Amino acid sequence: MKNKEKNVIDILEKIADLKFQKGVWLEGKYWDRVSSFEEGVNSLEDYDFFSDTKQGSIKFSEVEKQKIDGFIANLLEYEEQDVEKMLRDSVWIKITEEAREVVKILKNIR
């Protein structure tokens, strides 16, 4: 697995992990490059995740593509709020679940 792909998966795993978000985003227990919701989205952009999936640089089945596209749309449409509220928000929790699915897809194609 290439470094770029490892980094994307690492970022997605953090978007998928409410415990990580509570510890880093809310409580600031330790530093991480994905230090906030915004940093997570920006980091995915930095590693071309959005453009690579849109342009078809990575080959997915139609079902996988629909899951990834749905996750991306929901992530980019999400309006960041106070982290404490965010971690309880049903829309955000759904996005974290979608992120876990995307991680599984990416790990299976590598």
PDB file of N, CA and C in Angstrom:
ATOM      1  N   MET A   1       0.842  -1.174   0.000  1.00  0.00           N
ATOM      2  CA  MET A   1       0.000   0.000   0.000  1.00  0.00           C
ATOM      3  C   MET A   1       0.891   1.242   0.000  1.00  0.00           C
ATOM      4  N   LYS A   2       0.547   2.181  -0.852  1.00  0.00           N
ATOM      5  CA  LYS A   2       1.331   3.407  -0.961  1.00  0.00           C
ATOM      6  C   LYS A   2       1.061   4.326   0.230  1.00  0.00           C
ATOM      7  N   ASN A   3       2.018   5.222   0.453  1.00  0.00           N
ATOM      8  CA  ASN A   3       1.905   6.174   1.560  1.00  0.00           C
ATOM      9  C   ASN A   3       0.627   7.002   1.485  1.00  0.00           C
ATOM     10  N   LYS A   4       0.298   7.473   0.281  1.00  0.00           N
ATOM     11  CA  LYS A   4      -0.902   8.295   0.096  1.00  0.00           C
ATOM     12  C   LYS A   4      -2.144   7.530   0.559  1.00  0.00           C
ATOM     13  N   GLU A   5      -2.248   6.273   0.146  1.00  0.00           N
ATOM     14  CA  GLU A   5      -3.409   5.469   0.515  1.00  0.00           C
ATOM     15  C   GLU A   5      -3.450   5.202   2.015  1.00  0.00           C
ATOM     16  N   LYS A   6      -2.278   4.956   2.606  1.00  0.00           N
ATOM     17  CA  LYS A   6      -2.221   4.753   4.059  1.00  0.00           C
ATOM     18  C   LYS A   6      -2.708   5.994   4.797  1.00  0.00           C
ATOM     19  N   ASN A   7      -2.284   7.151   4.314  1.00  0.00           N
ATOM     20  CA  ASN A   7      -2.697   8.401   4.952  1.00  0.00           C
ATOM     21  C   ASN A   7      -4.198   8.628   4.832  1.00  0.00           C
ATOM     22  N   VAL A   8      -4.759   8.360   3.659  1.00  0.00           N
ATOM     23  CA  VAL A   8      -6.203   8.521   3.467  1.00  0.00           C
ATOM     24  C   VAL A   8      -6.962   7.587   4.405  1.00  0.00           C
ATOM     25  N   ILE A   9      -6.536   6.343   4.478  1.00  0.00           N
ATOM     26  CA  ILE A   9      -7.204   5.383   5.367  1.00  0.00           C
ATOM     27  C   ILE A   9      -7.080   5.826   6.824  1.00  0.00           C
ATOM     28  N   ASP A  10      -5.914   6.312   7.218  1.00  0.00           N
ATOM     29  CA  ASP A  10      -5.716   6.804   8.584  1.00  0.00           C
ATOM     30  C   ASP A  10      -6.686   7.945   8.898  1.00  0.00           C
ATOM     31  N   ILE A  11      -6.824   8.868   7.981  1.00  0.00           N
ATOM     32  CA  ILE A  11      -7.733  10.004   8.178  1.00  0.00           C
ATOM     33  C   ILE A  11      -9.178   9.519   8.274  1.00  0.00           C
ATOM     34  N   LEU A  12      -9.559   8.631   7.366  1.00  0.00           N
ATOM     35  CA  LEU A  12     -10.926   8.102   7.373  1.00  0.00           C
ATOM     36  C   LEU A  12     -11.218   7.327   8.656  1.00  0.00           C
ATOM     37  N   GLU A  13     -10.227   6.589   9.146  1.00  0.00           N
ATOM     38  CA  GLU A  13     -10.421   5.856  10.405  1.00  0.00           C
ATOM     39  C   GLU A  13     -10.679   6.821  11.560  1.00  0.00           C
ATOM     40  N   LYS A  14     -10.057   7.976  11.526  1.00  0.00           N
ATOM     41  CA  LYS A  14     -10.266   8.968  12.588  1.00  0.00           C
ATOM     42  C   LYS A  14     -11.625   9.646  12.449  1.00  0.00           C
ATOM     43  N   ILE A  15     -12.072   9.843  11.217  1.00  0.00           N
ATOM     44  CA  ILE A  15     -13.415  10.377  11.000  1.00  0.00           C
ATOM     45  C   ILE A  15     -14.458   9.354  11.452  1.00  0.00           C
ATOM     46  N   ALA A  16     -14.110   8.083  11.382  1.00  0.00           N
ATOM     47  CA  ALA A  16     -15.026   7.003  11.765  1.00  0.00           C
ATOM     48  C   ALA A  16     -15.040   6.716  13.265  1.00  0.00           C
ATOM     49  N   ASP A  17     -14.125   7.289  14.017  1.00  0.00           N
ATOM     50  CA  ASP A  17     -13.901   6.898  15.407  1.00  0.00           C
ATOM     51  C   ASP A  17     -14.356   7.977  16.394  1.00  0.00           C
ATOM     52  N   LEU A  18     -15.511   7.776  16.988  1.00  0.00           N
ATOM     53  CA  LEU A  18     -16.042   8.749  17.948  1.00  0.00           C
ATOM     54  C   LEU A  18     -15.168   8.866  19.199  1.00  0.00           C
ATOM     55  N   LYS A  19     -14.541   7.768  19.629  1.00  0.00           N
ATOM     56  CA  LYS A  19     -13.651   7.828  20.799  1.00  0.00           C
ATOM     57  C   LYS A  19     -12.440   8.704  20.502  1.00  0.00           C
ATOM     58  N   PHE A  20     -11.868   8.550  19.306  1.00  0.00           N
ATOM     59  CA  PHE A  20     -10.753   9.408  18.889  1.00  0.00           C
ATOM     60  C   PHE A  20     -11.203  10.868  18.911  1.00  0.00           C
ATOM     61  N   GLN A  21     -12.346  11.138  18.318  1.00  0.00           N
ATOM     62  CA  GLN A  21     -12.850  12.509  18.230  1.00  0.00           C
ATOM     63  C   GLN A  21     -13.074  13.108  19.612  1.00  0.00           C
ATOM     64  N   LYS A  22     -13.610  12.313  20.514  1.00  0.00           N
ATOM     65  CA  LYS A  22     -13.816  12.812  21.878  1.00  0.00           C
ATOM     66  C   LYS A  22     -12.472  13.148  22.518  1.00  0.00           C
ATOM     67  N   GLY A  23     -11.500  12.243  22.397  1.00  0.00           N
ATOM     68  CA  GLY A  23     -10.204  12.448  23.031  1.00  0.00           C
ATOM     69  C   GLY A  23      -9.398  13.583  22.437  1.00  0.00           C
ATOM     70  N   VAL A  24      -9.431  13.708  21.117  1.00  0.00           N
ATOM     71  CA  VAL A  24      -8.600  14.716  20.450  1.00  0.00           C
ATOM     72  C   VAL A  24      -9.380  16.001  20.180  1.00  0.00           C
ATOM     73  N   TRP A  25     -10.527  15.896  19.558  1.00  0.00           N
ATOM     74  CA  TRP A  25     -11.274  17.088  19.163  1.00  0.00           C
ATOM     75  C   TRP A  25     -11.909  17.793  20.352  1.00  0.00           C
ATOM     76  N   LEU A  26     -12.431  17.017  21.292  1.00  0.00           N
ATOM     77  CA  LEU A  26     -13.154  17.612  22.416  1.00  0.00           C
ATOM     78  C   LEU A  26     -12.249  17.865  23.617  1.00  0.00           C
ATOM     79  N   GLU A  27     -11.507  16.838  24.023  1.00  0.00           N
ATOM     80  CA  GLU A  27     -10.730  16.932  25.261  1.00  0.00           C
ATOM     81  C   GLU A  27      -9.280  17.347  25.048  1.00  0.00           C
ATOM     82  N   GLY A  28      -8.778  17.287  23.815  1.00  0.00           N
ATOM     83  CA  GLY A  28      -7.401  17.678  23.537  1.00  0.00           C
ATOM     84  C   GLY A  28      -6.371  16.860  24.292  1.00  0.00           C
ATOM     85  N   LYS A  29      -6.629  15.562  24.465  1.00  0.00           N
ATOM     86  CA  LYS A  29      -5.726  14.702  25.241  1.00  0.00           C
ATOM     87  C   LYS A  29      -4.357  14.561  24.598  1.00  0.00           C
ATOM     88  N   TYR A  30      -4.305  14.614  23.279  1.00  0.00           N
ATOM     89  CA  TYR A  30      -3.029  14.560  22.569  1.00  0.00           C
ATOM     90  C   TYR A  30      -3.196  15.202  21.205  1.00  0.00           C
ATOM     91  N   TRP A  31      -2.069  15.512  20.582  1.00  0.00           N
ATOM     92  CA  TRP A  31      -2.101  16.151  19.271  1.00  0.00           C
ATOM     93  C   TRP A  31      -2.206  15.091  18.188  1.00  0.00           C
ATOM     94  N   ASP A  32      -2.928  15.419  17.148  1.00  0.00           N
ATOM     95  CA  ASP A  32      -3.005  14.589  15.954  1.00  0.00           C
ATOM     96  C   ASP A  32      -3.247  15.522  14.777  1.00  0.00           C
ATOM     97  N   ARG A  33      -2.737  15.131  13.605  1.00  0.00           N
ATOM     98  CA  ARG A  33      -2.925  16.000  12.435  1.00  0.00           C
ATOM     99  C   ARG A  33      -4.401  16.170  12.090  1.00  0.00           C
ATOM    100  N   VAL A  34      -5.226  15.202  12.460  1.00  0.00           N
ATOM    101  CA  VAL A  34      -6.672  15.323  12.284  1.00  0.00           C
ATOM    102  C   VAL A  34      -7.226  15.871  13.604  1.00  0.00           C
ATOM    103  N   SER A  35      -6.917  17.129  13.856  1.00  0.00           N
ATOM    104  CA  SER A  35      -7.231  17.740  15.146  1.00  0.00           C
ATOM    105  C   SER A  35      -8.654  18.288  15.235  1.00  0.00           C
ATOM    106  N   SER A  36      -9.391  18.205  14.134  1.00  0.00           N
ATOM    107  CA  SER A  36     -10.769  18.698  14.117  1.00  0.00           C
ATOM    108  C   SER A  36     -11.486  18.132  12.896  1.00  0.00           C
ATOM    109  N   PHE A  37     -12.782  18.344  12.855  1.00  0.00           N
ATOM    110  CA  PHE A  37     -13.576  17.961  11.684  1.00  0.00           C
ATOM    111  C   PHE A  37     -12.993  18.613  10.433  1.00  0.00           C
ATOM    112  N   GLU A  38     -12.774  19.911  10.523  1.00  0.00           N
ATOM    113  CA  GLU A  38     -12.259  20.666   9.377  1.00  0.00           C
ATOM    114  C   GLU A  38     -10.907  20.132   8.909  1.00  0.00           C
ATOM    115  N   GLU A  39     -10.033  19.814   9.842  1.00  0.00           N
ATOM    116  CA  GLU A  39      -8.724  19.263   9.471  1.00  0.00           C
ATOM    117  C   GLU A  39      -8.865  17.911   8.782  1.00  0.00           C
ATOM    118  N   GLY A  40      -9.831  17.112   9.219  1.00  0.00           N
ATOM    119  CA  GLY A  40     -10.073  15.830   8.564  1.00  0.00           C
ATOM    120  C   GLY A  40     -10.476  16.008   7.114  1.00  0.00           C
ATOM    121  N   VAL A  41     -11.427  16.905   6.879  1.00  0.00           N
ATOM    122  CA  VAL A  41     -11.884  17.175   5.510  1.00  0.00           C
ATOM    123  C   VAL A  41     -10.745  17.757   4.676  1.00  0.00           C
ATOM    124  N   ASN A  42     -10.031  18.729   5.233  1.00  0.00           N
ATOM    125  CA  ASN A  42      -8.917  19.344   4.501  1.00  0.00           C
ATOM    126  C   ASN A  42      -7.819  18.336   4.191  1.00  0.00           C
ATOM    127  N   SER A  43      -7.549  17.440   5.120  1.00  0.00           N
ATOM    128  CA  SER A  43      -6.513  16.426   4.895  1.00  0.00           C
ATOM    129  C   SER A  43      -6.912  15.468   3.781  1.00  0.00           C
ATOM    130  N   LEU A  44      -8.182  15.083   3.732  1.00  0.00           N
ATOM    131  CA  LEU A  44      -8.647  14.229   2.631  1.00  0.00           C
ATOM    132  C   LEU A  44      -8.482  14.955   1.299  1.00  0.00           C
ATOM    133  N   GLU A  45      -8.771  16.245   1.292  1.00  0.00           N
ATOM    134  CA  GLU A  45      -8.578  17.058   0.084  1.00  0.00           C
ATOM    135  C   GLU A  45      -7.095  17.111  -0.286  1.00  0.00           C
ATOM    136  N   ASP A  46      -6.234  17.310   0.712  1.00  0.00           N
ATOM    137  CA  ASP A  46      -4.786  17.373   0.464  1.00  0.00           C
ATOM    138  C   ASP A  46      -4.268  16.104  -0.197  1.00  0.00           C
ATOM    139  N   TYR A  47      -4.832  14.970   0.172  1.00  0.00           N
ATOM    140  CA  TYR A  47      -4.406  13.688  -0.403  1.00  0.00           C
ATOM    141  C   TYR A  47      -5.248  13.278  -1.615  1.00  0.00           C
ATOM    142  N   ASP A  48      -6.008  14.224  -2.163  1.00  0.00           N
ATOM    143  CA  ASP A  48      -6.779  14.028  -3.407  1.00  0.00           C
ATOM    144  C   ASP A  48      -7.855  12.956  -3.308  1.00  0.00           C
ATOM    145  N   PHE A  49      -8.309  12.637  -2.111  1.00  0.00           N
ATOM    146  CA  PHE A  49      -9.330  11.599  -1.969  1.00  0.00           C
ATOM    147  C   PHE A  49     -10.585  11.922  -2.770  1.00  0.00           C
ATOM    148  N   PHE A  50     -11.061  13.149  -2.665  1.00  0.00           N
ATOM    149  CA  PHE A  50     -12.305  13.519  -3.348  1.00  0.00           C
ATOM    150  C   PHE A  50     -12.140  13.476  -4.865  1.00  0.00           C
ATOM    151  N   SER A  51     -11.069  14.059  -5.360  1.00  0.00           N
ATOM    152  CA  SER A  51     -10.872  14.084  -6.817  1.00  0.00           C
ATOM    153  C   SER A  51     -10.536  12.704  -7.370  1.00  0.00           C
ATOM    154  N   ASP A  52      -9.743  11.920  -6.650  1.00  0.00           N
ATOM    155  CA  ASP A  52      -9.399  10.572  -7.125  1.00  0.00           C
ATOM    156  C   ASP A  52     -10.638   9.691  -7.243  1.00  0.00           C
ATOM    157  N   THR A  53     -11.544   9.791  -6.293  1.00  0.00           N
ATOM    158  CA  THR A  53     -12.744   8.955  -6.365  1.00  0.00           C
ATOM    159  C   THR A  53     -13.695   9.465  -7.446  1.00  0.00           C
ATOM    160  N   LYS A  54     -13.784  10.768  -7.596  1.00  0.00           N
ATOM    161  CA  LYS A  54     -14.679  11.346  -8.607  1.00  0.00           C
ATOM    162  C   LYS A  54     -14.182  11.064 -10.022  1.00  0.00           C
ATOM    163  N   GLN A  55     -12.880  11.152 -10.230  1.00  0.00           N
ATOM    164  CA  GLN A  55     -12.308  10.979 -11.566  1.00  0.00           C
ATOM    165  C   GLN A  55     -12.125   9.518 -11.947  1.00  0.00           C
ATOM    166  N   GLY A  56     -12.379   8.628 -11.024  1.00  0.00           N
ATOM    167  CA  GLY A  56     -12.238   7.214 -11.331  1.00  0.00           C
ATOM    168  C   GLY A  56     -10.805   6.715 -11.290  1.00  0.00           C
ATOM    169  N   SER A  57      -9.930   7.447 -10.612  1.00  0.00           N
ATOM    170  CA  SER A  57      -8.530   7.012 -10.483  1.00  0.00           C
ATOM    171  C   SER A  57      -8.431   5.700  -9.720  1.00  0.00           C
ATOM    172  N   ILE A  58      -9.409   5.467  -8.868  1.00  0.00           N
ATOM    173  CA  ILE A  58      -9.489   4.222  -8.117  1.00  0.00           C
ATOM    174  C   ILE A  58     -10.727   3.496  -8.622  1.00  0.00           C
ATOM    175  N   LYS A  59     -10.582   2.231  -8.948  1.00  0.00           N
ATOM    176  CA  LYS A  59     -11.698   1.464  -9.512  1.00  0.00           C
ATOM    177  C   LYS A  59     -12.513   0.803  -8.400  1.00  0.00           C
ATOM    178  N   PHE A  60     -13.811   1.051  -8.437  1.00  0.00           N
ATOM    179  CA  PHE A  60     -14.737   0.476  -7.474  1.00  0.00           C
ATOM    180  C   PHE A  60     -15.883  -0.187  -8.217  1.00  0.00           C
ATOM    181  N   SER A  61     -16.541  -1.122  -7.541  1.00  0.00           N
ATOM    182  CA  SER A  61     -17.790  -1.658  -8.089  1.00  0.00           C
ATOM    183  C   SER A  61     -18.837  -0.545  -7.999  1.00  0.00           C
ATOM    184  N   GLU A  62     -19.945  -0.727  -8.678  1.00  0.00           N
ATOM    185  CA  GLU A  62     -21.007   0.286  -8.655  1.00  0.00           C
ATOM    186  C   GLU A  62     -21.545   0.485  -7.238  1.00  0.00           C
ATOM    187  N   VAL A  63     -21.718  -0.589  -6.505  1.00  0.00           N
ATOM    188  CA  VAL A  63     -22.210  -0.496  -5.121  1.00  0.00           C
ATOM    189  C   VAL A  63     -21.200   0.253  -4.252  1.00  0.00           C
ATOM    190  N   GLU A  64     -19.916  -0.081  -4.390  1.00  0.00           N
ATOM    191  CA  GLU A  64     -18.872   0.609  -3.619  1.00  0.00           C
ATOM    192  C   GLU A  64     -18.846   2.092  -3.972  1.00  0.00           C
ATOM    193  N   LYS A  65     -18.943   2.402  -5.244  1.00  0.00           N
ATOM    194  CA  LYS A  65     -18.922   3.799  -5.695  1.00  0.00           C
ATOM    195  C   LYS A  65     -20.095   4.570  -5.093  1.00  0.00           C
ATOM    196  N   GLN A  66     -21.265   3.956  -5.065  1.00  0.00           N
ATOM    197  CA  GLN A  66     -22.432   4.620  -4.478  1.00  0.00           C
ATOM    198  C   GLN A  66     -22.224   4.886  -2.987  1.00  0.00           C
ATOM    199  N   LYS A  67     -21.648   3.928  -2.277  1.00  0.00           N
ATOM    200  CA  LYS A  67     -21.382   4.117  -0.843  1.00  0.00           C
ATOM    201  C   LYS A  67     -20.379   5.246  -0.622  1.00  0.00           C
ATOM    202  N   ILE A  68     -19.316   5.245  -1.423  1.00  0.00           N
ATOM    203  CA  ILE A  68     -18.279   6.273  -1.281  1.00  0.00           C
ATOM    204  C   ILE A  68     -18.831   7.644  -1.653  1.00  0.00           C
ATOM    205  N   ASP A  69     -19.559   7.716  -2.757  1.00  0.00           N
ATOM    206  CA  ASP A  69     -20.148   8.993  -3.173  1.00  0.00           C
ATOM    207  C   ASP A  69     -21.123   9.522  -2.123  1.00  0.00           C
ATOM    208  N   GLY A  70     -21.919   8.629  -1.537  1.00  0.00           N
ATOM    209  CA  GLY A  70     -22.853   9.039  -0.489  1.00  0.00           C
ATOM    210  C   GLY A  70     -22.125   9.571   0.734  1.00  0.00           C
ATOM    211  N   PHE A  71     -21.061   8.870   1.125  1.00  0.00           N
ATOM    212  CA  PHE A  71     -20.255   9.323   2.266  1.00  0.00           C
ATOM    213  C   PHE A  71     -19.668  10.703   1.994  1.00  0.00           C
ATOM    214  N   ILE A  72     -19.067  10.875   0.816  1.00  0.00           N
ATOM    215  CA  ILE A  72     -18.439  12.158   0.479  1.00  0.00           C
ATOM    216  C   ILE A  72     -19.476  13.280   0.496  1.00  0.00           C
ATOM    217  N   ALA A  73     -20.624  13.046  -0.121  1.00  0.00           N
ATOM    218  CA  ALA A  73     -21.673  14.073  -0.149  1.00  0.00           C
ATOM    219  C   ALA A  73     -22.104  14.445   1.267  1.00  0.00           C
ATOM    220  N   ASN A  74     -22.331  13.450   2.099  1.00  0.00           N
ATOM    221  CA  ASN A  74     -22.760  13.715   3.478  1.00  0.00           C
ATOM    222  C   ASN A  74     -21.681  14.435   4.276  1.00  0.00           C
ATOM    223  N   LEU A  75     -20.436  14.033   4.096  1.00  0.00           N
ATOM    224  CA  LEU A  75     -19.323  14.663   4.810  1.00  0.00           C
ATOM    225  C   LEU A  75     -19.190  16.131   4.414  1.00  0.00           C
ATOM    226  N   LEU A  76     -19.221  16.393   3.113  1.00  0.00           N
ATOM    227  CA  LEU A  76     -19.026  17.764   2.639  1.00  0.00           C
ATOM    228  C   LEU A  76     -20.227  18.664   2.926  1.00  0.00           C
ATOM    229  N   GLU A  77     -21.401  18.081   3.053  1.00  0.00           N
ATOM    230  CA  GLU A  77     -22.603  18.865   3.358  1.00  0.00           C
ATOM    231  C   GLU A  77     -22.772  19.105   4.859  1.00  0.00           C
ATOM    232  N   TYR A  78     -22.060  18.339   5.669  1.00  0.00           N
ATOM    233  CA  TYR A  78     -22.241  18.435   7.113  1.00  0.00           C
ATOM    234  C   TYR A  78     -21.793  19.804   7.616  1.00  0.00           C
ATOM    235  N   GLU A  79     -22.634  20.410   8.435  1.00  0.00           N
ATOM    236  CA  GLU A  79     -22.293  21.695   9.022  1.00  0.00           C
ATOM    237  C   GLU A  79     -21.690  21.460  10.395  1.00  0.00           C
ATOM    238  N   GLU A  80     -20.399  21.759  10.478  1.00  0.00           N
ATOM    239  CA  GLU A  80     -19.687  21.553  11.740  1.00  0.00           C
ATOM    240  C   GLU A  80     -20.348  22.374  12.840  1.00  0.00           C
ATOM    241  N   GLN A  81     -20.385  21.794  14.015  1.00  0.00           N
ATOM    242  CA  GLN A  81     -20.952  22.464  15.176  1.00  0.00           C
ATOM    243  C   GLN A  81     -20.051  22.212  16.379  1.00  0.00           C
ATOM    244  N   ASP A  82     -20.474  22.680  17.515  1.00  0.00           N
ATOM    245  CA  ASP A  82     -19.750  22.415  18.749  1.00  0.00           C
ATOM    246  C   ASP A  82     -19.457  20.913  18.834  1.00  0.00           C
ATOM    247  N   VAL A  83     -18.215  20.556  19.138  1.00  0.00           N
ATOM    248  CA  VAL A  83     -17.800  19.152  19.101  1.00  0.00           C
ATOM    249  C   VAL A  83     -18.642  18.289  20.029  1.00  0.00           C
ATOM    250  N   GLU A  84     -18.940  18.790  21.196  1.00  0.00           N
ATOM    251  CA  GLU A  84     -19.741  18.000  22.138  1.00  0.00           C
ATOM    252  C   GLU A  84     -21.109  17.650  21.534  1.00  0.00           C
ATOM    253  N   LYS A  85     -21.741  18.620  20.896  1.00  0.00           N
ATOM    254  CA  LYS A  85     -23.025  18.372  20.227  1.00  0.00           C
ATOM    255  C   LYS A  85     -22.836  17.464  19.020  1.00  0.00           C
ATOM    256  N   MET A  86     -21.773  17.701  18.303  1.00  0.00           N
ATOM    257  CA  MET A  86     -21.487  16.930  17.093  1.00  0.00           C
ATOM    258  C   MET A  86     -21.378  15.438  17.402  1.00  0.00           C
ATOM    259  N   LEU A  87     -20.701  15.103  18.489  1.00  0.00           N
ATOM    260  CA  LEU A  87     -20.487  13.704  18.841  1.00  0.00           C
ATOM    261  C   LEU A  87     -21.780  12.988  19.231  1.00  0.00           C
ATOM    262  N   ARG A  88     -22.828  13.747  19.490  1.00  0.00           N
ATOM    263  CA  ARG A  88     -24.141  13.167  19.804  1.00  0.00           C
ATOM    264  C   ARG A  88     -25.128  13.300  18.645  1.00  0.00           C
ATOM    265  N   ASP A  89     -24.730  14.006  17.616  1.00  0.00           N
ATOM    266  CA  ASP A  89     -25.610  14.292  16.480  1.00  0.00           C
ATOM    267  C   ASP A  89     -25.822  13.038  15.630  1.00  0.00           C
ATOM    268  N   SER A  90     -27.068  12.665  15.420  1.00  0.00           N
ATOM    269  CA  SER A  90     -27.370  11.439  14.660  1.00  0.00           C
ATOM    270  C   SER A  90     -26.848  11.509  13.228  1.00  0.00           C
ATOM    271  N   VAL A  91     -26.841  12.694  12.644  1.00  0.00           N
ATOM    272  CA  VAL A  91     -26.314  12.838  11.276  1.00  0.00           C
ATOM    273  C   VAL A  91     -24.810  12.564  11.279  1.00  0.00           C
ATOM    274  N   TRP A  92     -24.100  13.118  12.267  1.00  0.00           N
ATOM    275  CA  TRP A  92     -22.657  12.883  12.344  1.00  0.00           C
ATOM    276  C   TRP A  92     -22.364  11.408  12.621  1.00  0.00           C
ATOM    277  N   ILE A  93     -23.116  10.806  13.502  1.00  0.00           N
ATOM    278  CA  ILE A  93     -22.907   9.386  13.820  1.00  0.00           C
ATOM    279  C   ILE A  93     -23.094   8.538  12.564  1.00  0.00           C
ATOM    280  N   LYS A  94     -24.068   8.873  11.739  1.00  0.00           N
ATOM    281  CA  LYS A  94     -24.273   8.163  10.466  1.00  0.00           C
ATOM    282  C   LYS A  94     -23.054   8.334   9.559  1.00  0.00           C
ATOM    283  N   ILE A  95     -22.491   9.533   9.523  1.00  0.00           N
ATOM    284  CA  ILE A  95     -21.304   9.783   8.699  1.00  0.00           C
ATOM    285  C   ILE A  95     -20.126   8.949   9.201  1.00  0.00           C
ATOM    286  N   THR A  96     -19.979   8.820  10.516  1.00  0.00           N
ATOM    287  CA  THR A  96     -18.881   7.995  11.037  1.00  0.00           C
ATOM    288  C   THR A  96     -19.066   6.535  10.634  1.00  0.00           C
ATOM    289  N   GLU A  97     -20.308   6.074  10.627  1.00  0.00           N
ATOM    290  CA  GLU A  97     -20.592   4.700  10.192  1.00  0.00           C
ATOM    291  C   GLU A  97     -20.266   4.524   8.710  1.00  0.00           C
ATOM    292  N   GLU A  98     -20.614   5.521   7.912  1.00  0.00           N
ATOM    293  CA  GLU A  98     -20.282   5.480   6.482  1.00  0.00           C
ATOM    294  C   GLU A  98     -18.769   5.478   6.283  1.00  0.00           C
ATOM    295  N   ALA A  99     -18.062   6.235   7.100  1.00  0.00           N
ATOM    296  CA  ALA A  99     -16.599   6.274   7.002  1.00  0.00           C
ATOM    297  C   ALA A  99     -16.007   4.892   7.264  1.00  0.00           C
ATOM    298  N   ARG A 100     -16.559   4.161   8.220  1.00  0.00           N
ATOM    299  CA  ARG A 100     -16.084   2.795   8.489  1.00  0.00           C
ATOM    300  C   ARG A 100     -16.276   1.907   7.265  1.00  0.00           C
ATOM    301  N   GLU A 101     -17.413   2.064   6.589  1.00  0.00           N
ATOM    302  CA  GLU A 101     -17.668   1.292   5.365  1.00  0.00           C
ATOM    303  C   GLU A 101     -16.656   1.640   4.277  1.00  0.00           C
ATOM    304  N   VAL A 102     -16.352   2.916   4.132  1.00  0.00           N
ATOM    305  CA  VAL A 102     -15.386   3.355   3.120  1.00  0.00           C
ATOM    306  C   VAL A 102     -14.002   2.793   3.432  1.00  0.00           C
ATOM    307  N   VAL A 103     -13.623   2.784   4.695  1.00  0.00           N
ATOM    308  CA  VAL A 103     -12.333   2.201   5.088  1.00  0.00           C
ATOM    309  C   VAL A 103     -12.276   0.734   4.678  1.00  0.00           C
ATOM    310  N   LYS A 104     -13.335  -0.010   4.948  1.00  0.00           N
ATOM    311  CA  LYS A 104     -13.373  -1.426   4.559  1.00  0.00           C
ATOM    312  C   LYS A 104     -13.204  -1.584   3.054  1.00  0.00           C
ATOM    313  N   ILE A 105     -13.896  -0.761   2.293  1.00  0.00           N
ATOM    314  CA  ILE A 105     -13.798  -0.824   0.831  1.00  0.00           C
ATOM    315  C   ILE A 105     -12.365  -0.563   0.386  1.00  0.00           C
ATOM    316  N   LEU A 106     -11.763   0.495   0.900  1.00  0.00           N
ATOM    317  CA  LEU A 106     -10.399   0.852   0.490  1.00  0.00           C
ATOM    318  C   LEU A 106      -9.388  -0.215   0.884  1.00  0.00           C
ATOM    319  N   LYS A 107      -9.552  -0.790   2.053  1.00  0.00           N
ATOM    320  CA  LYS A 107      -8.618  -1.838   2.485  1.00  0.00           C
ATOM    321  C   LYS A 107      -8.751  -3.093   1.624  1.00  0.00           C
ATOM    322  N   ASN A 108      -9.938  -3.358   1.115  1.00  0.00           N
ATOM    323  CA  ASN A 108     -10.155  -4.547   0.290  1.00  0.00           C
ATOM    324  C   ASN A 108      -9.653  -4.407  -1.139  1.00  0.00           C
ATOM    325  N   ILE A 109      -9.496  -3.183  -1.632  1.00  0.00           N
ATOM    326  CA  ILE A 109      -9.020  -3.032  -3.010  1.00  0.00           C
ATOM    327  C   ILE A 109      -7.513  -2.859  -3.081  1.00  0.00           C
ATOM    328  N   ARG A 110      -6.878  -2.729  -1.967  1.00  0.00           N
ATOM    329  CA  ARG A 110      -5.417  -2.512  -1.961  1.00  0.00           C
ATOM    330  C   ARG A 110      -4.686  -3.821  -1.976  1.00  0.00           C
TER     331      ARG A 110
END
